[in-house]
C-alpha atoms as a PDB file:
ATOM      1  CA  MET A   1      -0.483 -21.769 -15.698  1.00  0.00           C
ATOM      2  CA  SER A   2       2.873 -23.695 -15.919  1.00  0.00           C
ATOM      3  CA  GLY A   3       3.846 -23.064 -12.317  1.00  0.00           C
ATOM      4  CA  LYS A   4       7.102 -21.826 -13.518  1.00  0.00           C
ATOM      5  CA  ARG A   5       8.603 -19.078 -11.441  1.00  0.00           C
ATOM      6  CA  ILE A   6      10.369 -16.075 -13.055  1.00  0.00           C
ATOM      7  CA  GLY A   7      13.015 -14.246 -11.090  1.00  0.00           C
ATOM      8  CA  LEU A   8      12.858 -10.582 -10.952  1.00  0.00           C
ATOM      9  CA  GLY A   9      16.468  -9.907 -10.135  1.00  0.00           C
ATOM     10  CA  ALA A  10      17.900  -7.640  -7.581  1.00  0.00           C
ATOM     11  CA  HIS A  11      16.486  -4.340  -6.622  1.00  0.00           C
ATOM     12  CA  PRO A  12      17.899  -1.542  -8.433  1.00  0.00           C
ATOM     13  CA  LEU A  13      20.235   0.869  -6.602  1.00  0.00           C
ATOM     14  CA  ALA A  14      18.528   4.019  -5.143  1.00  0.00           C
ATOM     15  CA  ASP A  15      18.378   6.781  -7.581  1.00  0.00           C
ATOM     16  CA  PRO A  16      18.178  10.161  -5.908  1.00  0.00           C
ATOM     17  CA  ARG A  17      16.584  11.682  -9.021  1.00  0.00           C
ATOM     18  CA  ALA A  18      13.682   9.095  -8.962  1.00  0.00           C
ATOM     19  CA  GLU A  19      13.110   9.726  -5.346  1.00  0.00           C
ATOM     20  CA  VAL A  20      12.922  13.554  -5.902  1.00  0.00           C
ATOM     21  CA  TRP A  21      10.373  12.971  -8.572  1.00  0.00           C
ATOM     22  CA  VAL A  22       8.195  10.747  -6.512  1.00  0.00           C
ATOM     23  CA  ARG A  23       8.243  13.250  -3.555  1.00  0.00           C
ATOM     24  CA  GLN A  24       7.650  16.082  -5.925  1.00  0.00           C
ATOM     25  CA  SER A  25       4.375  14.532  -7.319  1.00  0.00           C
ATOM     26  CA  ALA A  26       3.177  14.139  -3.652  1.00  0.00           C
ATOM     27  CA  ILE A  27       3.654  17.704  -2.910  1.00  0.00           C
ATOM     28  CA  ILE A  28       1.879  18.975  -6.253  1.00  0.00           C
ATOM     29  CA  ASP A  29      -1.065  16.827  -5.256  1.00  0.00           C
ATOM     30  CA  ASN A  30      -3.685  19.544  -5.585  1.00  0.00           C
ATOM     31  CA  GLY A  31      -6.243  17.590  -3.669  1.00  0.00           C
ATOM     32  CA  LYS A  32      -6.239  14.604  -5.995  1.00  0.00           C
ATOM     33  CA  VAL A  33      -5.602  12.094  -3.262  1.00  0.00           C
ATOM     34  CA  GLU A  34      -9.195  12.415  -1.999  1.00  0.00           C
ATOM     35  CA  ARG A  35     -10.666  11.896  -5.514  1.00  0.00           C
ATOM     36  CA  TYR A  36      -8.409   9.212  -6.792  1.00  0.00           C
ATOM     37  CA  SER A  37      -6.843   6.039  -5.416  1.00  0.00           C
ATOM     38  CA  THR A  38      -4.554   3.413  -6.735  1.00  0.00           C
ATOM     39  CA  ARG A  39      -4.395  -0.276  -5.890  1.00  0.00           C
ATOM     40  CA  LEU A  40      -1.859  -1.796  -3.620  1.00  0.00           C
ATOM     41  CA  THR A  41      -1.378  -5.607  -3.505  1.00  0.00           C
ATOM     42  CA  LEU A  42      -0.282  -6.940  -0.090  1.00  0.00           C
ATOM     43  CA  ASP A  43       0.423 -10.635   0.682  1.00  0.00           C
ATOM     44  CA  VAL A  44      -0.664 -11.773   4.231  1.00  0.00           C
ATOM     45  CA  THR A  45      -1.202 -15.080   5.869  1.00  0.00           C
ATOM     46  CA  PRO A  46      -4.792 -16.364   5.945  1.00  0.00           C
ATOM     47  CA  ALA A  47      -4.792 -16.051   9.794  1.00  0.00           C
ATOM     48  CA  LEU A  48      -3.768 -12.330   9.518  1.00  0.00           C
ATOM     49  CA  ARG A  49      -6.452 -11.796   6.936  1.00  0.00           C
ATOM     50  CA  THR A  50      -9.037 -13.295   9.280  1.00  0.00           C
ATOM     51  CA  ARG A  51      -7.979 -11.064  12.065  1.00  0.00           C
ATOM     52  CA  LEU A  52      -8.138  -8.100   9.862  1.00  0.00           C
ATOM     53  CA  LYS A  53     -11.643  -8.977   8.793  1.00  0.00           C
ATOM     54  CA  LEU A  54     -12.782  -9.442  12.370  1.00  0.00           C
ATOM     55  CA  ALA A  55     -11.199  -6.235  13.478  1.00  0.00           C
ATOM     56  CA  ALA A  56     -13.068  -4.475  10.656  1.00  0.00           C
ATOM     57  CA  PHE A  57     -16.407  -6.114  11.462  1.00  0.00           C
ATOM     58  CA  ALA A  58     -16.748  -5.146  15.065  1.00  0.00           C
ATOM     59  CA  PRO A  59     -16.719  -1.240  14.385  1.00  0.00           C
ATOM     60  CA  GLY A  60     -18.590  -1.937  10.946  1.00  0.00           C
ATOM     61  CA  VAL A  61     -15.921  -0.438   8.584  1.00  0.00           C
ATOM     62  CA  THR A  62     -13.994  -2.076   5.806  1.00  0.00           C
ATOM     63  CA  MET A  63     -10.503  -3.766   5.826  1.00  0.00           C
ATOM     64  CA  ALA A  64      -9.412  -1.224   3.240  1.00  0.00           C
ATOM     65  CA  LYS A  65     -10.265   1.685   5.643  1.00  0.00           C
ATOM     66  CA  ILE A  66      -8.409   0.061   8.554  1.00  0.00           C
ATOM     67  CA  LEU A  67      -5.343  -0.551   6.482  1.00  0.00           C
ATOM     68  CA  ARG A  68      -5.375   2.898   4.959  1.00  0.00           C
ATOM     69  CA  GLU A  69      -5.425   4.433   8.571  1.00  0.00           C
ATOM     70  CA  VAL A  70      -2.598   2.100   9.653  1.00  0.00           C
ATOM     71  CA  LEU A  71      -0.567   2.950   6.545  1.00  0.00           C
ATOM     72  CA  LYS A  72      -1.221   6.874   6.972  1.00  0.00           C
ATOM     73  CA  GLN A  73       0.082   6.614  10.552  1.00  0.00           C
ATOM     74  CA  GLN A  74       3.283   4.791   9.553  1.00  0.00           C
ATOM     75  CA  ALA A  75       3.779   7.174   6.618  1.00  0.00           C
ATOM     76  CA  THR A  76       3.839  10.209   8.790  1.00  0.00           C
ATOM     77  CA  SER A  77       5.924   8.781  11.566  1.00  0.00           C
END
């Protein structure tokens, strides 16, 4: 790796058609959410990662399960 950073540029303006398309696919789901998953990359500090691991270890669950629950709660509020 060269260590060279590549700028991604500004975020595109909101496209109402794209938002409708994304929401429509969520509605037409047909139960696929329970069978399939997609990967989400999230950058956190090492300290937060440690806290998440400890929070998951106590009840004997995975960090992924804890984060899925938190994200689910935030997505429905």
